[in-house]
Amino acid sequence: MTPDDEVFLRRAIQLASAGRAGGDAPFGSLLVGPDGAVLVEEHNTVLSDDDISAHPELKLARWAARELDATSAGGTTMYTSCQPCGMCAAAIDRAGLGRVVFALSNEQLVALKPSGGFPPVPQDGPALFDEARAAVNGYYH
């Protein structure tokens, strides 16, 4: 953790506080380029947008996938007030971001919630391999 990392991480926490003050959940993130310039900032808008996917990390990953080429995305660092959830982590990976720096871990966040985290949804599979393979086969070349 560098002094610059701490400055940007504090900004993510400020964004989280501002989101909470505005009636949303307390999560904030920013994306910083390799030159130290802030590219984009977001806070959680799950409540105000009535959208369970409106996490700031997901919004930044989507922005990067649209606006940056692979090399530029790979040079970025996302600073976020809490460790990205599974949904956001997958989007960050898919967008090809270079690094994530977070304040609270998922375990620390869950410990702050009176009821803990969300219960896992059972998943069954794999199934119908040949049929599913036919739809995908040849796509990734």
C-alpha atoms as a PDB file:
ATOM      1  CA  MET A   1       0.000   0.000   0.000  1.00  0.00           C
ATOM      2  CA  THR A   2       1.498   3.284  -1.138  1.00  0.00           C
ATOM      3  CA  PRO A   3       0.632   6.787   0.104  1.00  0.00           C
ATOM      4  CA  ASP A   4      -1.212   7.343  -3.215  1.00  0.00           C
ATOM      5  CA  ASP A   5      -3.186   4.130  -2.634  1.00  0.00           C
ATOM      6  CA  GLU A   6      -4.271   5.480   0.735  1.00  0.00           C
ATOM      7  CA  VAL A   7      -5.388   8.807  -0.795  1.00  0.00           C
ATOM      8  CA  PHE A   8      -7.495   7.047  -3.434  1.00  0.00           C
ATOM      9  CA  LEU A   9      -8.884   4.545  -0.943  1.00  0.00           C
ATOM     10  CA  ARG A  10      -9.953   7.416   1.311  1.00  0.00           C
ATOM     11  CA  ARG A  11     -11.747   8.936  -1.693  1.00  0.00           C
ATOM     12  CA  ALA A  12     -13.621   5.651  -2.200  1.00  0.00           C
ATOM     13  CA  ILE A  13     -14.694   5.777   1.447  1.00  0.00           C
ATOM     14  CA  GLN A  14     -15.845   9.410   0.957  1.00  0.00           C
ATOM     15  CA  LEU A  15     -17.936   8.283  -2.032  1.00  0.00           C
ATOM     16  CA  ALA A  16     -19.450   5.554   0.141  1.00  0.00           C
ATOM     17  CA  SER A  17     -20.334   8.081   2.832  1.00  0.00           C
ATOM     18  CA  ALA A  18     -21.871  10.428   0.257  1.00  0.00           C
ATOM     19  CA  GLY A  19     -23.949   7.600  -1.166  1.00  0.00           C
ATOM     20  CA  ARG A  20     -25.214   6.716   2.294  1.00  0.00           C
ATOM     21  CA  ALA A  21     -26.018  10.367   3.033  1.00  0.00           C
ATOM     22  CA  GLY A  22     -28.069  10.401  -0.175  1.00  0.00           C
ATOM     23  CA  GLY A  23     -30.119   7.376   0.881  1.00  0.00           C
ATOM     24  CA  ASP A  24     -28.191   4.627  -0.882  1.00  0.00           C
ATOM     25  CA  ALA A  25     -26.028   1.817   0.465  1.00  0.00           C
ATOM     26  CA  PRO A  26     -22.581   2.899   1.739  1.00  0.00           C
ATOM     27  CA  PHE A  27     -20.275   1.749  -1.051  1.00  0.00           C
ATOM     28  CA  GLY A  28     -18.024   3.836  -3.292  1.00  0.00           C
ATOM     29  CA  SER A  29     -15.382   3.206  -5.922  1.00  0.00           C
ATOM     30  CA  LEU A  30     -13.112   5.021  -8.344  1.00  0.00           C
ATOM     31  CA  LEU A  31     -10.990   3.952 -11.278  1.00  0.00           C
ATOM     32  CA  VAL A  32      -7.514   5.436 -11.620  1.00  0.00           C
ATOM     33  CA  GLY A  33      -5.325   5.346 -14.707  1.00  0.00           C
ATOM     34  CA  PRO A  34      -1.631   4.411 -14.707  1.00  0.00           C
ATOM     35  CA  ASP A  35      -0.706   8.118 -14.613  1.00  0.00           C
ATOM     36  CA  GLY A  36      -2.657   8.621 -11.374  1.00  0.00           C
ATOM     37  CA  ALA A  37      -5.567  10.447 -13.016  1.00  0.00           C
ATOM     38  CA  VAL A  38      -9.047   9.588 -11.752  1.00  0.00           C
ATOM     39  CA  LEU A  39     -10.981   8.264 -14.748  1.00  0.00           C
ATOM     40  CA  VAL A  40     -14.414   7.798 -13.175  1.00  0.00           C
ATOM     41  CA  GLU A  41     -16.081   7.648  -9.746  1.00  0.00           C
ATOM     42  CA  GLU A  42     -19.299   5.961  -8.631  1.00  0.00           C
ATOM     43  CA  HIS A  43     -21.264   5.088  -5.539  1.00  0.00           C
ATOM     44  CA  ASN A  44     -23.849   2.407  -4.960  1.00  0.00           C
ATOM     45  CA  THR A  45     -27.303   3.254  -6.365  1.00  0.00           C
ATOM     46  CA  VAL A  46     -29.082  -0.051  -5.739  1.00  0.00           C
ATOM     47  CA  LEU A  47     -31.858   1.705  -3.807  1.00  0.00           C
ATOM     48  CA  SER A  48     -32.242   4.918  -5.821  1.00  0.00           C
ATOM     49  CA  ASP A  49     -32.108   3.073  -9.158  1.00  0.00           C
ATOM     50  CA  ASP A  50     -34.163   0.114  -7.873  1.00  0.00           C
ATOM     51  CA  ASP A  51     -31.500  -2.099  -9.477  1.00  0.00           C
ATOM     52  CA  ILE A  52     -29.787  -4.884  -7.520  1.00  0.00           C
ATOM     53  CA  SER A  53     -26.805  -4.698  -9.880  1.00  0.00           C
ATOM     54  CA  ALA A  54     -26.066  -0.970  -9.387  1.00  0.00           C
ATOM     55  CA  HIS A  55     -22.874  -1.597  -7.423  1.00  0.00           C
ATOM     56  CA  PRO A  56     -20.149   0.994  -8.044  1.00  0.00           C
ATOM     57  CA  GLU A  57     -17.569  -1.672  -8.920  1.00  0.00           C
ATOM     58  CA  LEU A  58     -19.839  -3.139 -11.590  1.00  0.00           C
ATOM     59  CA  LYS A  59     -20.570   0.314 -13.004  1.00  0.00           C
ATOM     60  CA  LEU A  60     -16.839   1.060 -13.248  1.00  0.00           C
ATOM     61  CA  ALA A  61     -16.054  -2.300 -14.860  1.00  0.00           C
ATOM     62  CA  ARG A  62     -18.797  -1.734 -17.428  1.00  0.00           C
ATOM     63  CA  TRP A  63     -17.477   1.778 -18.109  1.00  0.00           C
ATOM     64  CA  ALA A  64     -13.945   0.445 -18.604  1.00  0.00           C
ATOM     65  CA  ALA A  65     -15.132  -2.299 -20.963  1.00  0.00           C
ATOM     66  CA  ARG A  66     -16.919   0.313 -23.091  1.00  0.00           C
ATOM     67  CA  GLU A  67     -14.398   3.141 -22.967  1.00  0.00           C
ATOM     68  CA  LEU A  68     -10.920   1.610 -22.673  1.00  0.00           C
ATOM     69  CA  ASP A  69      -8.901  -0.705 -24.863  1.00  0.00           C
ATOM     70  CA  ALA A  70      -7.411  -3.827 -23.264  1.00  0.00           C
ATOM     71  CA  THR A  71      -3.991  -2.269 -22.642  1.00  0.00           C
ATOM     72  CA  SER A  72      -5.456   0.835 -21.012  1.00  0.00           C
ATOM     73  CA  ALA A  73      -7.853  -1.221 -18.861  1.00  0.00           C
ATOM     74  CA  GLY A  74      -4.957  -3.401 -17.747  1.00  0.00           C
ATOM     75  CA  GLY A  75      -3.131  -0.313 -16.481  1.00  0.00           C
ATOM     76  CA  THR A  76      -5.943   0.829 -14.192  1.00  0.00           C
ATOM     77  CA  THR A  77      -6.459   0.425 -10.478  1.00  0.00           C
ATOM     78  CA  MET A  78      -9.902   0.317  -8.892  1.00  0.00           C
ATOM     79  CA  TYR A  79     -10.149   1.663  -5.360  1.00  0.00           C
ATOM     80  CA  THR A  80     -13.239   0.574  -3.500  1.00  0.00           C
ATOM     81  CA  SER A  81     -14.603   0.951  -0.006  1.00  0.00           C
ATOM     82  CA  CYS A  82     -15.363  -2.785   0.273  1.00  0.00           C
ATOM     83  CA  GLN A  83     -14.013  -5.892  -1.407  1.00  0.00           C
ATOM     84  CA  PRO A  84     -15.974  -6.544  -4.603  1.00  0.00           C
ATOM     85  CA  CYS A  85     -18.720  -9.150  -4.350  1.00  0.00           C
ATOM     86  CA  GLY A  86     -18.700 -12.159  -6.676  1.00  0.00           C
ATOM     87  CA  MET A  87     -20.794 -10.379  -9.325  1.00  0.00           C
ATOM     88  CA  CYS A  88     -18.490  -7.366  -9.372  1.00  0.00           C
ATOM     89  CA  ALA A  89     -15.296  -9.433  -9.201  1.00  0.00           C
ATOM     90  CA  ALA A  90     -16.371 -11.352 -12.308  1.00  0.00           C
ATOM     91  CA  ALA A  91     -17.091  -8.096 -14.166  1.00  0.00           C
ATOM     92  CA  ILE A  92     -13.721  -6.669 -13.095  1.00  0.00           C
ATOM     93  CA  ASP A  93     -11.977  -9.775 -14.421  1.00  0.00           C
ATOM     94  CA  ARG A  94     -13.967  -9.650 -17.654  1.00  0.00           C
ATOM     95  CA  ALA A  95     -13.156  -5.941 -18.158  1.00  0.00           C
ATOM     96  CA  GLY A  96      -9.454  -6.721 -17.718  1.00  0.00           C
ATOM     97  CA  LEU A  97      -8.737  -4.164 -15.010  1.00  0.00           C
ATOM     98  CA  GLY A  98      -5.209  -4.242 -13.658  1.00  0.00           C
ATOM     99  CA  ARG A  99      -5.651  -4.126  -9.890  1.00  0.00           C
ATOM    100  CA  VAL A 100      -8.184  -3.664  -7.101  1.00  0.00           C
ATOM    101  CA  VAL A 101      -7.461  -2.061  -3.729  1.00  0.00           C
ATOM    102  CA  PHE A 102     -10.218  -2.320  -1.104  1.00  0.00           C
ATOM    103  CA  ALA A 103     -10.816  -1.163   2.463  1.00  0.00           C
ATOM    104  CA  LEU A 104     -13.207  -3.635   4.138  1.00  0.00           C
ATOM    105  CA  SER A 105     -13.029  -7.328   3.253  1.00  0.00           C
ATOM    106  CA  ASN A 106     -16.200  -9.279   2.528  1.00  0.00           C
ATOM    107  CA  GLU A 107     -15.799 -11.049   5.882  1.00  0.00           C
ATOM    108  CA  GLN A 108     -15.475  -7.733   7.724  1.00  0.00           C
ATOM    109  CA  LEU A 109     -18.546  -6.386   5.928  1.00  0.00           C
ATOM    110  CA  VAL A 110     -20.666  -9.442   6.761  1.00  0.00           C
ATOM    111  CA  ALA A 111     -19.645  -9.095  10.416  1.00  0.00           C
ATOM    112  CA  LEU A 112     -21.080  -5.548  10.401  1.00  0.00           C
ATOM    113  CA  LYS A 113     -24.478  -6.740   9.143  1.00  0.00           C
ATOM    114  CA  PRO A 114     -26.957  -7.706  11.871  1.00  0.00           C
ATOM    115  CA  SER A 115     -28.298 -10.628   9.841  1.00  0.00           C
ATOM    116  CA  GLY A 116     -25.052 -11.638   8.128  1.00  0.00           C
ATOM    117  CA  GLY A 117     -24.836 -12.096   4.370  1.00  0.00           C
ATOM    118  CA  PHE A 118     -27.253 -13.342   1.753  1.00  0.00           C
ATOM    119  CA  PRO A 119     -28.079 -17.056   1.890  1.00  0.00           C
ATOM    120  CA  PRO A 120     -26.640 -19.024  -1.036  1.00  0.00           C
ATOM    121  CA  VAL A 121     -29.035 -20.196  -3.728  1.00  0.00           C
ATOM    122  CA  PRO A 122     -28.734 -23.916  -4.543  1.00  0.00           C
ATOM    123  CA  GLN A 123     -27.434 -24.669  -8.034  1.00  0.00           C
ATOM    124  CA  ASP A 124     -27.833 -27.936  -9.930  1.00  0.00           C
ATOM    125  CA  GLY A 125     -25.690 -28.934 -12.892  1.00  0.00           C
ATOM    126  CA  PRO A 126     -23.969 -29.500 -15.157  1.00  0.00           C
ATOM    127  CA  ALA A 127     -26.662 -31.132 -17.257  1.00  0.00           C
ATOM    128  CA  LEU A 128     -27.527 -31.648 -20.949  1.00  0.00           C
ATOM    129  CA  PHE A 129     -23.863 -31.346 -21.889  1.00  0.00           C
ATOM    130  CA  ASP A 130     -24.196 -32.298 -25.573  1.00  0.00           C
ATOM    131  CA  GLU A 131     -27.072 -29.879 -26.181  1.00  0.00           C
ATOM    132  CA  ALA A 132     -25.380 -27.028 -24.328  1.00  0.00           C
ATOM    133  CA  ARG A 133     -22.054 -27.712 -26.047  1.00  0.00           C
ATOM    134  CA  ALA A 134     -23.719 -27.481 -29.478  1.00  0.00           C
ATOM    135  CA  ALA A 135     -24.825 -23.914 -28.729  1.00  0.00           C
ATOM    136  CA  VAL A 136     -21.315 -22.848 -27.663  1.00  0.00           C
ATOM    137  CA  ASN A 137     -19.026 -25.029 -29.785  1.00  0.00           C
ATOM    138  CA  GLY A 138     -17.002 -22.957 -32.252  1.00  0.00           C
ATOM    139  CA  TYR A 139     -17.829 -19.590 -30.663  1.00  0.00           C
ATOM    140  CA  TYR A 140     -14.430 -19.218 -28.968  1.00  0.00           C
ATOM    141  CA  HIS A 141     -11.917 -19.265 -31.809  1.00  0.00           C
END
